Amino acid sequence: MPVDLVQTVFSDLDFSVTNFGARALEDIAPAEEIAAHLEGMHPNGTKLGVLNGKTYGLGLYILDADPVLQCRPLPRGRP
Protein backbone atom coordinates (compact mmCIF):
# COMPACT_ATOMS: atom_id res chain seq x y z
CA MET A 1 0.00 0.00 0.00
CA PRO A 2 1.48 3.41 -0.94
CA VAL A 3 2.26 5.95 1.75
CA ASP A 4 0.19 9.14 1.59
CA LEU A 5 2.03 11.26 4.13
CA VAL A 6 5.33 11.10 5.95
CA GLN A 7 6.98 13.21 8.61
CA THR A 8 10.64 13.66 7.88
CA VAL A 9 13.36 16.28 8.03
CA PHE A 10 14.05 18.73 5.22
CA SER A 11 17.51 17.26 4.62
CA ASP A 12 15.86 13.99 3.53
CA LEU A 13 13.66 15.54 0.81
CA ASP A 14 16.05 14.70 -2.02
CA PHE A 15 16.36 11.11 -0.78
CA SER A 16 12.56 10.77 -0.58
CA VAL A 17 12.05 12.21 -4.07
CA THR A 18 14.84 10.20 -5.67
CA ASN A 19 14.28 6.86 -3.95
CA PHE A 20 10.60 6.81 -3.03
CA GLY A 21 9.05 8.87 -5.82
CA ALA A 22 7.61 11.55 -3.56
CA ARG A 23 5.24 13.78 -5.52
CA ALA A 24 5.31 17.55 -5.41
CA LEU A 25 2.31 19.51 -4.17
CA GLU A 26 2.14 21.25 -7.53
CA ASP A 27 1.56 17.84 -9.16
CA ILE A 28 -1.31 16.79 -6.92
CA ALA A 29 -3.17 19.97 -5.92
CA PRO A 30 -4.53 22.97 -7.83
CA ALA A 31 -2.34 26.09 -7.67
CA GLU A 32 -5.20 28.07 -6.10
CA GLU A 33 -5.48 25.62 -3.19
CA ILE A 34 -1.75 25.66 -2.58
CA ALA A 35 -1.69 29.47 -2.63
CA ALA A 36 -4.60 29.61 -0.18
CA HIS A 37 -2.89 27.15 2.16
CA LEU A 38 0.40 29.10 2.10
CA GLU A 39 -1.31 32.45 2.66
CA GLY A 40 0.04 34.12 5.76
CA MET A 41 3.10 31.89 6.00
CA HIS A 42 6.53 33.51 5.87
CA PRO A 43 7.99 33.07 2.36
CA ASN A 44 11.34 31.86 3.73
CA GLY A 45 9.54 29.14 5.67
CA THR A 46 7.68 27.88 2.63
CA LYS A 47 10.92 27.68 0.62
CA LEU A 48 12.39 25.10 3.01
CA GLY A 49 10.49 22.27 1.33
CA VAL A 50 11.20 23.30 -2.27
CA LEU A 51 13.44 21.07 -4.36
CA ASN A 52 14.12 21.68 -8.05
CA GLY A 53 11.44 24.39 -8.13
CA LYS A 54 8.64 22.24 -6.69
CA THR A 55 7.26 21.94 -3.16
CA TYR A 56 7.77 18.51 -1.63
CA GLY A 57 7.36 19.44 2.00
CA LEU A 58 6.00 22.02 4.38
CA GLY A 59 7.18 22.75 7.88
CA LEU A 60 4.98 21.37 10.60
CA TYR A 61 5.91 24.33 12.76
CA ILE A 62 8.80 26.73 13.06
CA LEU A 63 9.46 28.14 16.51
CA ASP A 64 12.44 29.49 18.38
CA ALA A 65 12.40 26.27 20.40
CA ASP A 66 12.72 23.92 17.43
CA PRO A 67 15.71 21.66 17.29
CA VAL A 68 18.25 24.06 18.64
CA LEU A 69 20.69 23.15 21.37
CA GLN A 70 20.27 25.66 24.14
CA CYS A 71 22.76 25.82 26.95
CA ARG A 72 22.29 27.73 30.15
CA PRO A 73 24.50 27.89 33.20
CA LEU A 74 23.42 25.92 36.24
CA PRO A 75 22.70 27.83 39.42
CA ARG A 76 25.72 28.25 41.66
CA GLY A 77 26.34 25.25 43.86
CA ARG A 78 24.58 22.74 41.58
CA PRO A 79 26.55 20.02 39.81
PDB file of N, CA and C in Angstrom:
ATOM      1  N   MET A   1       0.841  -1.162   0.000  1.00  0.00           N
ATOM      2  CA  MET A   1       0.000   0.000   0.000  1.00  0.00           C
ATOM      3  C   MET A   1       0.900   1.244   0.000  1.00  0.00           C
ATOM      4  N   PRO A   2       0.643   2.212  -0.893  1.00  0.00           N
ATOM      5  CA  PRO A   2       1.478   3.410  -0.942  1.00  0.00           C
ATOM      6  C   PRO A   2       1.267   4.307   0.270  1.00  0.00           C
ATOM      7  N   VAL A   3       2.314   5.016   0.624  1.00  0.00           N
ATOM      8  CA  VAL A   3       2.260   5.945   1.747  1.00  0.00           C
ATOM      9  C   VAL A   3       1.724   7.282   1.246  1.00  0.00           C
ATOM     10  N   ASP A   4       0.781   7.861   1.969  1.00  0.00           N
ATOM     11  CA  ASP A   4       0.192   9.137   1.587  1.00  0.00           C
ATOM     12  C   ASP A   4       0.915  10.321   2.205  1.00  0.00           C
ATOM     13  N   LEU A   5       1.450  10.154   3.394  1.00  0.00           N
ATOM     14  CA  LEU A   5       2.031  11.257   4.132  1.00  0.00           C
ATOM     15  C   LEU A   5       3.150  10.734   5.011  1.00  0.00           C
ATOM     16  N   VAL A   6       4.235  11.461   5.056  1.00  0.00           N
ATOM     17  CA  VAL A   6       5.331  11.100   5.952  1.00  0.00           C
ATOM     18  C   VAL A   6       5.783  12.336   6.704  1.00  0.00           C
ATOM     19  N   GLN A   7       6.348  12.119   7.872  1.00  0.00           N
ATOM     20  CA  GLN A   7       6.983  13.206   8.612  1.00  0.00           C
ATOM     21  C   GLN A   7       8.465  12.921   8.577  1.00  0.00           C
ATOM     22  N   THR A   8       9.211  13.839   8.026  1.00  0.00           N
ATOM     23  CA  THR A   8      10.645  13.658   7.879  1.00  0.00           C
ATOM     24  C   THR A   8      11.326  14.998   8.076  1.00  0.00           C
ATOM     25  N   VAL A   9      12.610  15.029   7.919  1.00  0.00           N
ATOM     26  CA  VAL A   9      13.356  16.284   8.034  1.00  0.00           C
ATOM     27  C   VAL A   9      13.655  16.815   6.638  1.00  0.00           C
ATOM     28  N   PHE A  10      13.842  18.121   6.529  1.00  0.00           N
ATOM     29  CA  PHE A  10      14.053  18.729   5.219  1.00  0.00           C
ATOM     30  C   PHE A  10      15.291  18.166   4.506  1.00  0.00           C
ATOM     31  N   SER A  11      16.300  17.768   5.255  1.00  0.00           N
ATOM     32  CA  SER A  11      17.514  17.258   4.620  1.00  0.00           C
ATOM     33  C   SER A  11      17.290  15.925   3.912  1.00  0.00           C
ATOM     34  N   ASP A  12      16.161  15.263   4.182  1.00  0.00           N
ATOM     35  CA  ASP A  12      15.859  13.985   3.529  1.00  0.00           C
ATOM     36  C   ASP A  12      14.940  14.119   2.315  1.00  0.00           C
ATOM     37  N   LEU A  13      14.576  15.349   1.939  1.00  0.00           N
ATOM     38  CA  LEU A  13      13.660  15.535   0.809  1.00  0.00           C
ATOM     39  C   LEU A  13      14.214  14.931  -0.472  1.00  0.00           C
ATOM     40  N   ASP A  14      15.470  15.225  -0.781  1.00  0.00           N
ATOM     41  CA  ASP A  14      16.050  14.699  -2.019  1.00  0.00           C
ATOM     42  C   ASP A  14      16.034  13.177  -2.018  1.00  0.00           C
ATOM     43  N   PHE A  15      16.370  12.563  -0.887  1.00  0.00           N
ATOM     44  CA  PHE A  15      16.355  11.106  -0.781  1.00  0.00           C
ATOM     45  C   PHE A  15      14.943  10.567  -1.027  1.00  0.00           C
ATOM     46  N   SER A  16      13.950  11.222  -0.426  1.00  0.00           N
ATOM     47  CA  SER A  16      12.561  10.771  -0.585  1.00  0.00           C
ATOM     48  C   SER A  16      12.083  10.902  -2.027  1.00  0.00           C
ATOM     49  N   VAL A  17      12.453  12.001  -2.673  1.00  0.00           N
ATOM     50  CA  VAL A  17      12.048  12.213  -4.069  1.00  0.00           C
ATOM     51  C   VAL A  17      12.742  11.217  -4.982  1.00  0.00           C
ATOM     52  N   THR A  18      14.043  11.064  -4.791  1.00  0.00           N
ATOM     53  CA  THR A  18      14.843  10.199  -5.666  1.00  0.00           C
ATOM     54  C   THR A  18      14.539   8.715  -5.468  1.00  0.00           C
ATOM     55  N   ASN A  19      14.413   8.285  -4.230  1.00  0.00           N
ATOM     56  CA  ASN A  19      14.284   6.856  -3.950  1.00  0.00           C
ATOM     57  C   ASN A  19      12.852   6.359  -3.746  1.00  0.00           C
ATOM     58  N   PHE A  20      11.965   7.242  -3.323  1.00  0.00           N
ATOM     59  CA  PHE A  20      10.602   6.807  -3.033  1.00  0.00           C
ATOM     60  C   PHE A  20       9.556   7.429  -3.941  1.00  0.00           C
ATOM     61  N   GLY A  21       9.997   8.274  -4.861  1.00  0.00           N
ATOM     62  CA  GLY A  21       9.055   8.865  -5.815  1.00  0.00           C
ATOM     63  C   GLY A  21       8.060   9.825  -5.196  1.00  0.00           C
ATOM     64  N   ALA A  22       8.501  10.561  -4.167  1.00  0.00           N
ATOM     65  CA  ALA A  22       7.606  11.547  -3.556  1.00  0.00           C
ATOM     66  C   ALA A  22       7.101  12.508  -4.628  1.00  0.00           C
ATOM     67  N   ARG A  23       5.849  12.888  -4.534  1.00  0.00           N
ATOM     68  CA  ARG A  23       5.241  13.781  -5.521  1.00  0.00           C
ATOM     69  C   ARG A  23       5.151  15.189  -4.957  1.00  0.00           C
ATOM     70  N   ALA A  24       5.368  16.157  -5.818  1.00  0.00           N
ATOM     71  CA  ALA A  24       5.306  17.555  -5.411  1.00  0.00           C
ATOM     72  C   ALA A  24       3.863  18.000  -5.253  1.00  0.00           C
ATOM     73  N   LEU A  25       3.655  18.969  -4.361  1.00  0.00           N
ATOM     74  CA  LEU A  25       2.306  19.512  -4.168  1.00  0.00           C
ATOM     75  C   LEU A  25       1.742  20.050  -5.474  1.00  0.00           C
ATOM     76  N   GLU A  26       2.588  20.677  -6.270  1.00  0.00           N
ATOM     77  CA  GLU A  26       2.135  21.252  -7.533  1.00  0.00           C
ATOM     78  C   GLU A  26       1.608  20.190  -8.498  1.00  0.00           C
ATOM     79  N   ASP A  27       2.013  18.944  -8.292  1.00  0.00           N
ATOM     80  CA  ASP A  27       1.564  17.845  -9.164  1.00  0.00           C
ATOM     81  C   ASP A  27       0.287  17.172  -8.680  1.00  0.00           C
ATOM     82  N   ILE A  28      -0.140  17.485  -7.460  1.00  0.00           N
ATOM     83  CA  ILE A  28      -1.310  16.791  -6.923  1.00  0.00           C
ATOM     84  C   ILE A  28      -2.425  17.719  -6.447  1.00  0.00           C
ATOM     85  N   ALA A  29      -2.152  19.027  -6.390  1.00  0.00           N
ATOM     86  CA  ALA A  29      -3.172  19.966  -5.920  1.00  0.00           C
ATOM     87  C   ALA A  29      -3.230  21.183  -6.835  1.00  0.00           C
ATOM     88  N   PRO A  30      -4.403  21.762  -7.011  1.00  0.00           N
ATOM     89  CA  PRO A  30      -4.525  22.969  -7.834  1.00  0.00           C
ATOM     90  C   PRO A  30      -3.722  24.129  -7.237  1.00  0.00           C
ATOM     91  N   ALA A  31      -3.170  24.957  -8.100  1.00  0.00           N
ATOM     92  CA  ALA A  31      -2.342  26.088  -7.667  1.00  0.00           C
ATOM     93  C   ALA A  31      -3.100  27.010  -6.718  1.00  0.00           C
ATOM     94  N   GLU A  32      -4.397  27.187  -6.953  1.00  0.00           N
ATOM     95  CA  GLU A  32      -5.196  28.067  -6.097  1.00  0.00           C
ATOM     96  C   GLU A  32      -5.276  27.528  -4.672  1.00  0.00           C
ATOM     97  N   GLU A  33      -5.405  26.222  -4.526  1.00  0.00           N
ATOM     98  CA  GLU A  33      -5.482  25.621  -3.191  1.00  0.00           C
ATOM     99  C   GLU A  33      -4.153  25.736  -2.461  1.00  0.00           C
ATOM    100  N   ILE A  34      -3.071  25.538  -3.196  1.00  0.00           N
ATOM    101  CA  ILE A  34      -1.747  25.660  -2.583  1.00  0.00           C
ATOM    102  C   ILE A  34      -1.529  27.098  -2.124  1.00  0.00           C
ATOM    103  N   ALA A  35      -1.859  28.061  -2.983  1.00  0.00           N
ATOM    104  CA  ALA A  35      -1.689  29.472  -2.631  1.00  0.00           C
ATOM    105  C   ALA A  35      -2.519  29.836  -1.406  1.00  0.00           C
ATOM    106  N   ALA A  36      -3.742  29.330  -1.334  1.00  0.00           N
ATOM    107  CA  ALA A  36      -4.602  29.611  -0.183  1.00  0.00           C
ATOM    108  C   ALA A  36      -4.019  29.007   1.090  1.00  0.00           C
ATOM    109  N   HIS A  37      -3.463  27.817   0.990  1.00  0.00           N
ATOM    110  CA  HIS A  37      -2.885  27.153   2.157  1.00  0.00           C
ATOM    111  C   HIS A  37      -1.647  27.899   2.652  1.00  0.00           C
ATOM    112  N   LEU A  38      -0.843  28.419   1.725  1.00  0.00           N
ATOM    113  CA  LEU A  38       0.400  29.100   2.095  1.00  0.00           C
ATOM    114  C   LEU A  38       0.177  30.550   2.512  1.00  0.00           C
ATOM    115  N   GLU A  39      -1.026  31.058   2.324  1.00  0.00           N
ATOM    116  CA  GLU A  39      -1.311  32.446   2.663  1.00  0.00           C
ATOM    117  C   GLU A  39      -1.045  32.707   4.140  1.00  0.00           C
ATOM    118  N   GLY A  40      -0.290  33.750   4.393  1.00  0.00           N
ATOM    119  CA  GLY A  40       0.039  34.116   5.762  1.00  0.00           C
ATOM    120  C   GLY A  40       1.306  33.480   6.288  1.00  0.00           C
ATOM    121  N   MET A  41       1.851  32.513   5.578  1.00  0.00           N
ATOM    122  CA  MET A  41       3.104  31.891   6.003  1.00  0.00           C
ATOM    123  C   MET A  41       4.274  32.744   5.514  1.00  0.00           C
ATOM    124  N   HIS A  42       5.345  32.745   6.267  1.00  0.00           N
ATOM    125  CA  HIS A  42       6.526  33.506   5.871  1.00  0.00           C
ATOM    126  C   HIS A  42       7.143  32.841   4.633  1.00  0.00           C
ATOM    127  N   PRO A  43       7.445  33.635   3.596  1.00  0.00           N
ATOM    128  CA  PRO A  43       7.992  33.067   2.357  1.00  0.00           C
ATOM    129  C   PRO A  43       9.257  32.232   2.567  1.00  0.00           C
ATOM    130  N   ASN A  44      10.122  32.648   3.486  1.00  0.00           N
ATOM    131  CA  ASN A  44      11.339  31.862   3.727  1.00  0.00           C
ATOM    132  C   ASN A  44      11.006  30.494   4.306  1.00  0.00           C
ATOM    133  N   GLY A  45       9.953  30.431   5.105  1.00  0.00           N
ATOM    134  CA  GLY A  45       9.542  29.145   5.671  1.00  0.00           C
ATOM    135  C   GLY A  45       8.991  28.202   4.625  1.00  0.00           C
ATOM    136  N   THR A  46       8.256  28.744   3.665  1.00  0.00           N
ATOM    137  CA  THR A  46       7.675  27.878   2.633  1.00  0.00           C
ATOM    138  C   THR A  46       8.730  27.385   1.651  1.00  0.00           C
ATOM    139  N   LYS A  47       9.845  28.087   1.549  1.00  0.00           N
ATOM    140  CA  LYS A  47      10.917  27.678   0.625  1.00  0.00           C
ATOM    141  C   LYS A  47      11.722  26.492   1.152  1.00  0.00           C
ATOM    142  N   LEU A  48      11.614  26.190   2.427  1.00  0.00           N
ATOM    143  CA  LEU A  48      12.393  25.097   3.008  1.00  0.00           C
ATOM    144  C   LEU A  48      12.106  23.750   2.347  1.00  0.00           C
ATOM    145  N   GLY A  49      10.879  23.551   1.914  1.00  0.00           N
ATOM    146  CA  GLY A  49      10.494  22.272   1.333  1.00  0.00           C
ATOM    147  C   GLY A  49      10.528  22.236  -0.179  1.00  0.00           C
ATOM    148  N   VAL A  50      11.137  23.238  -0.811  1.00  0.00           N
ATOM    149  CA  VAL A  50      11.197  23.297  -2.275  1.00  0.00           C
ATOM    150  C   VAL A  50      12.479  22.635  -2.766  1.00  0.00           C
ATOM    151  N   LEU A  51      12.313  21.774  -3.743  1.00  0.00           N
ATOM    152  CA  LEU A  51      13.439  21.071  -4.363  1.00  0.00           C
ATOM    153  C   LEU A  51      13.230  21.106  -5.870  1.00  0.00           C
ATOM    154  N   ASN A  52      14.210  21.580  -6.586  1.00  0.00           N
ATOM    155  CA  ASN A  52      14.120  21.680  -8.053  1.00  0.00           C
ATOM    156  C   ASN A  52      12.880  22.456  -8.499  1.00  0.00           C
ATOM    157  N   GLY A  53      12.548  23.523  -7.756  1.00  0.00           N
ATOM    158  CA  GLY A  53      11.442  24.387  -8.134  1.00  0.00           C
ATOM    159  C   GLY A  53      10.052  23.900  -7.777  1.00  0.00           C
ATOM    160  N   LYS A  54       9.942  22.775  -7.082  1.00  0.00           N
ATOM    161  CA  LYS A  54       8.638  22.244  -6.693  1.00  0.00           C
ATOM    162  C   LYS A  54       8.610  21.988  -5.191  1.00  0.00           C
ATOM    163  N   THR A  55       7.420  22.082  -4.607  1.00  0.00           N
ATOM    164  CA  THR A  55       7.255  21.941  -3.164  1.00  0.00           C
ATOM    165  C   THR A  55       6.980  20.489  -2.798  1.00  0.00           C
ATOM    166  N   TYR A  56       7.915  19.904  -2.067  1.00  0.00           N
ATOM    167  CA  TYR A  56       7.770  18.510  -1.627  1.00  0.00           C
ATOM    168  C   TYR A  56       7.475  18.399  -0.143  1.00  0.00           C
ATOM    169  N   GLY A  57       7.612  19.494   0.572  1.00  0.00           N
ATOM    170  CA  GLY A  57       7.365  19.440   2.000  1.00  0.00           C
ATOM    171  C   GLY A  57       7.050  20.806   2.570  1.00  0.00           C
ATOM    172  N   LEU A  58       6.322  20.803   3.659  1.00  0.00           N
ATOM    173  CA  LEU A  58       6.003  22.022   4.385  1.00  0.00           C
ATOM    174  C   LEU A  58       6.349  21.800   5.848  1.00  0.00           C
ATOM    175  N   GLY A  59       6.840  22.846   6.469  1.00  0.00           N
ATOM    176  CA  GLY A  59       7.179  22.755   7.880  1.00  0.00           C
ATOM    177  C   GLY A  59       5.951  22.522   8.734  1.00  0.00           C
ATOM    178  N   LEU A  60       6.072  21.623   9.671  1.00  0.00           N
ATOM    179  CA  LEU A  60       4.977  21.375  10.600  1.00  0.00           C
ATOM    180  C   LEU A  60       4.799  22.587  11.505  1.00  0.00           C
ATOM    181  N   TYR A  61       5.894  23.101  11.982  1.00  0.00           N
ATOM    182  CA  TYR A  61       5.915  24.332  12.760  1.00  0.00           C
ATOM    183  C   TYR A  61       7.346  24.828  12.797  1.00  0.00           C
ATOM    184  N   ILE A  62       7.475  26.120  12.954  1.00  0.00           N
ATOM    185  CA  ILE A  62       8.800  26.728  13.064  1.00  0.00           C
ATOM    186  C   ILE A  62       8.744  27.683  14.246  1.00  0.00           C
ATOM    187  N   LEU A  63       9.432  27.335  15.293  1.00  0.00           N
ATOM    188  CA  LEU A  63       9.456  28.143  16.509  1.00  0.00           C
ATOM    189  C   LEU A  63      10.897  28.343  16.955  1.00  0.00           C
ATOM    190  N   ASP A  64      11.098  29.274  17.837  1.00  0.00           N
ATOM    191  CA  ASP A  64      12.441  29.488  18.383  1.00  0.00           C
ATOM    192  C   ASP A  64      12.935  28.255  19.120  1.00  0.00           C
ATOM    193  N   ALA A  65      12.014  27.425  19.602  1.00  0.00           N
ATOM    194  CA  ALA A  65      12.403  26.269  20.401  1.00  0.00           C
ATOM    195  C   ALA A  65      12.632  25.018  19.567  1.00  0.00           C
ATOM    196  N   ASP A  66      12.479  25.098  18.259  1.00  0.00           N
ATOM    197  CA  ASP A  66      12.718  23.924  17.426  1.00  0.00           C
ATOM    198  C   ASP A  66      14.160  23.487  17.536  1.00  0.00           C
ATOM    199  N   PRO A  67      14.458  22.338  16.961  1.00  0.00           N
ATOM    200  CA  PRO A  67      15.708  21.664  17.292  1.00  0.00           C
ATOM    201  C   PRO A  67      16.943  22.551  17.315  1.00  0.00           C
ATOM    202  N   VAL A  68      17.094  23.208  18.409  1.00  0.00           N
ATOM    203  CA  VAL A  68      18.255  24.062  18.641  1.00  0.00           C
ATOM    204  C   VAL A  68      18.787  23.701  20.013  1.00  0.00           C
ATOM    205  N   LEU A  69      20.075  23.461  20.083  1.00  0.00           N
ATOM    206  CA  LEU A  69      20.687  23.150  21.369  1.00  0.00           C
ATOM    207  C   LEU A  69      20.814  24.440  22.155  1.00  0.00           C
ATOM    208  N   GLN A  70      20.188  24.480  23.302  1.00  0.00           N
ATOM    209  CA  GLN A  70      20.268  25.662  24.142  1.00  0.00           C
ATOM    210  C   GLN A  70      20.989  25.292  25.424  1.00  0.00           C
ATOM    211  N   CYS A  71      21.990  26.059  25.734  1.00  0.00           N
ATOM    212  CA  CYS A  71      22.760  25.820  26.953  1.00  0.00           C
ATOM    213  C   CYS A  71      22.553  26.985  27.905  1.00  0.00           C
ATOM    214  N   ARG A  72      22.402  26.673  29.158  1.00  0.00           N
ATOM    215  CA  ARG A  72      22.292  27.728  30.149  1.00  0.00           C
ATOM    216  C   ARG A  72      23.103  27.306  31.362  1.00  0.00           C
ATOM    217  N   PRO A  73      23.682  28.257  32.029  1.00  0.00           N
ATOM    218  CA  PRO A  73      24.498  27.894  33.200  1.00  0.00           C
ATOM    219  C   PRO A  73      23.612  27.379  34.338  1.00  0.00           C
ATOM    220  N   LEU A  74      24.127  26.433  35.065  1.00  0.00           N
ATOM    221  CA  LEU A  74      23.415  25.917  36.236  1.00  0.00           C
ATOM    222  C   LEU A  74      23.558  26.910  37.375  1.00  0.00           C
ATOM    223  N   PRO A  75      22.574  26.949  38.257  1.00  0.00           N
ATOM    224  CA  PRO A  75      22.699  27.831  39.419  1.00  0.00           C
ATOM    225  C   PRO A  75      23.938  27.467  40.229  1.00  0.00           C
ATOM    226  N   ARG A  76      24.504  28.450  40.867  1.00  0.00           N
ATOM    227  CA  ARG A  76      25.715  28.253  41.658  1.00  0.00           C
ATOM    228  C   ARG A  76      25.473  27.170  42.718  1.00  0.00           C
ATOM    229  N   GLY A  77      26.432  26.293  42.860  1.00  0.00           N
ATOM    230  CA  GLY A  77      26.345  25.249  43.864  1.00  0.00           C
ATOM    231  C   GLY A  77      25.685  23.968  43.382  1.00  0.00           C
ATOM    232  N   ARG A  78      25.194  23.966  42.128  1.00  0.00           N
ATOM    233  CA  ARG A  78      24.576  22.743  41.582  1.00  0.00           C
ATOM    234  C   ARG A  78      25.576  22.063  40.659  1.00  0.00           C
ATOM    235  N   PRO A  79      25.605  20.741  40.678  1.00  0.00           N
ATOM    236  CA  PRO A  79      26.550  20.019  39.808  1.00  0.00           C
ATOM    237  C   PRO A  79      26.198  20.154  38.346  1.00  0.00           C
TER     238      PRO A  79
END
